[in-house]
Amino acid sequence: MSMDITIPKLGVTMEEGTISEWLVADGEAVEQGQPIYLLEADKVEAEIECPAGGQIAIVGEVGETYDVGDVVARLS
């Protein structure tokens, strides 16, 4: 079973965010709660944690801006 990792809504007015850095490699095994990427939004940068454990497949690119809810990685 796979799980989508999406851009979270960090604030009331947040509509989009930019991936500034992936903290894990594509295909790496990750654990629940592990920081997996840095998200820039509304002049704030936040570490986004993995919602579950598994193997990550990265689809989002560093420097790209995504809307809240867009899929940027998948867990298997």
C-alpha atoms as a PDB file:
ATOM      1  CA  MET A   1       0.000   0.000   0.000  1.00  0.00           C
ATOM      2  CA  SER A   2       1.368   3.431  -0.878  1.00  0.00           C
ATOM      3  CA  MET A   3       0.773   6.824   0.731  1.00  0.00           C
ATOM      4  CA  ASP A   4       1.028  10.254  -0.870  1.00  0.00           C
ATOM      5  CA  ILE A   5       3.089  12.958   0.829  1.00  0.00           C
ATOM      6  CA  THR A   6       1.613  16.367   0.068  1.00  0.00           C
ATOM      7  CA  ILE A   7       2.386  20.028   0.689  1.00  0.00           C
ATOM      8  CA  PRO A   8       0.846  20.815   4.092  1.00  0.00           C
ATOM      9  CA  LYS A   9      -1.011  24.007   4.999  1.00  0.00           C
ATOM     10  CA  LEU A  10       1.237  25.675   7.584  1.00  0.00           C
ATOM     11  CA  GLY A  11      -0.836  28.803   8.115  1.00  0.00           C
ATOM     12  CA  VAL A  12      -4.357  30.105   7.622  1.00  0.00           C
ATOM     13  CA  THR A  13      -3.473  32.071   4.495  1.00  0.00           C
ATOM     14  CA  MET A  14      -0.923  29.664   3.014  1.00  0.00           C
ATOM     15  CA  GLU A  15      -1.805  28.575  -0.531  1.00  0.00           C
ATOM     16  CA  GLU A  16       1.562  27.374  -1.854  1.00  0.00           C
ATOM     17  CA  GLY A  17       5.082  26.494  -0.777  1.00  0.00           C
ATOM     18  CA  THR A  18       8.514  25.912  -2.280  1.00  0.00           C
ATOM     19  CA  ILE A  19      10.679  22.874  -1.584  1.00  0.00           C
ATOM     20  CA  SER A  20      14.042  24.302  -0.560  1.00  0.00           C
ATOM     21  CA  GLU A  21      15.829  21.017   0.209  1.00  0.00           C
ATOM     22  CA  TRP A  22      15.187  17.281   0.414  1.00  0.00           C
ATOM     23  CA  LEU A  23      16.675  15.865   3.622  1.00  0.00           C
ATOM     24  CA  VAL A  24      16.433  12.264   2.371  1.00  0.00           C
ATOM     25  CA  ALA A  25      17.423  10.573  -0.892  1.00  0.00           C
ATOM     26  CA  ASP A  26      15.019   9.112  -3.423  1.00  0.00           C
ATOM     27  CA  GLY A  27      14.463   5.432  -2.589  1.00  0.00           C
ATOM     28  CA  GLU A  28      15.693   5.792   0.993  1.00  0.00           C
ATOM     29  CA  ALA A  29      13.962   4.024   3.889  1.00  0.00           C
ATOM     30  CA  VAL A  30      12.371   6.620   6.204  1.00  0.00           C
ATOM     31  CA  GLU A  31      10.690   6.483   9.605  1.00  0.00           C
ATOM     32  CA  GLN A  32       7.553   8.158  10.882  1.00  0.00           C
ATOM     33  CA  GLY A  33       8.398  11.593  12.310  1.00  0.00           C
ATOM     34  CA  GLN A  34      11.711  11.856  10.439  1.00  0.00           C
ATOM     35  CA  PRO A  35      12.238  15.261   8.759  1.00  0.00           C
ATOM     36  CA  ILE A  36      12.156  14.642   4.998  1.00  0.00           C
ATOM     37  CA  TYR A  37      12.182  18.089   3.361  1.00  0.00           C
ATOM     38  CA  LEU A  38      12.378  21.837   4.003  1.00  0.00           C
ATOM     39  CA  LEU A  39       9.392  23.898   2.882  1.00  0.00           C
ATOM     40  CA  GLU A  40       9.478  27.664   2.380  1.00  0.00           C
ATOM     41  CA  ALA A  41       6.162  29.472   2.684  1.00  0.00           C
ATOM     42  CA  ASP A  42       5.201  33.035   3.605  1.00  0.00           C
ATOM     43  CA  LYS A  43       8.808  33.866   4.530  1.00  0.00           C
ATOM     44  CA  VAL A  44       8.966  30.888   6.919  1.00  0.00           C
ATOM     45  CA  GLU A  45      10.961  27.696   6.465  1.00  0.00           C
ATOM     46  CA  ALA A  46       9.763  24.503   8.154  1.00  0.00           C
ATOM     47  CA  GLU A  47      10.996  20.919   8.335  1.00  0.00           C
ATOM     48  CA  ILE A  48       8.249  18.587   7.140  1.00  0.00           C
ATOM     49  CA  GLU A  49       8.124  15.219   8.876  1.00  0.00           C
ATOM     50  CA  CYS A  50       7.272  11.896   7.320  1.00  0.00           C
ATOM     51  CA  PRO A  51       3.721  10.794   8.249  1.00  0.00           C
ATOM     52  CA  ALA A  52       4.627   7.074   8.272  1.00  0.00           C
ATOM     53  CA  GLY A  53       7.534   4.721   7.727  1.00  0.00           C
ATOM     54  CA  GLY A  54       8.465   3.183   4.387  1.00  0.00           C
ATOM     55  CA  GLN A  55      10.515   3.714   1.265  1.00  0.00           C
ATOM     56  CA  ILE A  56      10.238   7.198  -0.233  1.00  0.00           C
ATOM     57  CA  ALA A  57       9.851   7.982  -3.928  1.00  0.00           C
ATOM     58  CA  ILE A  58      10.456  11.706  -4.510  1.00  0.00           C
ATOM     59  CA  VAL A  59       8.459  13.443  -7.256  1.00  0.00           C
ATOM     60  CA  GLY A  60       8.758  17.091  -6.147  1.00  0.00           C
ATOM     61  CA  GLU A  61      11.780  19.128  -7.213  1.00  0.00           C
ATOM     62  CA  VAL A  62      13.916  21.524  -5.180  1.00  0.00           C
ATOM     63  CA  GLY A  63      13.190  25.138  -6.086  1.00  0.00           C
ATOM     64  CA  GLU A  64       9.723  24.370  -7.453  1.00  0.00           C
ATOM     65  CA  THR A  65       6.579  25.910  -5.973  1.00  0.00           C
ATOM     66  CA  TYR A  66       3.579  23.674  -5.287  1.00  0.00           C
ATOM     67  CA  ASP A  67       0.018  24.334  -4.161  1.00  0.00           C
ATOM     68  CA  VAL A  68      -1.152  23.067  -0.769  1.00  0.00           C
ATOM     69  CA  GLY A  69      -2.229  19.455  -1.250  1.00  0.00           C
ATOM     70  CA  ASP A  70       0.024  18.753  -4.252  1.00  0.00           C
ATOM     71  CA  VAL A  71       1.818  15.400  -4.084  1.00  0.00           C
ATOM     72  CA  VAL A  72       5.610  15.755  -3.737  1.00  0.00           C
ATOM     73  CA  ALA A  73       6.526  12.187  -2.740  1.00  0.00           C
ATOM     74  CA  ARG A  74       5.078   8.732  -2.181  1.00  0.00           C
ATOM     75  CA  LEU A  75       5.740   6.115   0.472  1.00  0.00           C
ATOM     76  CA  SER A  76       5.627   2.397  -0.202  1.00  0.00           C
END
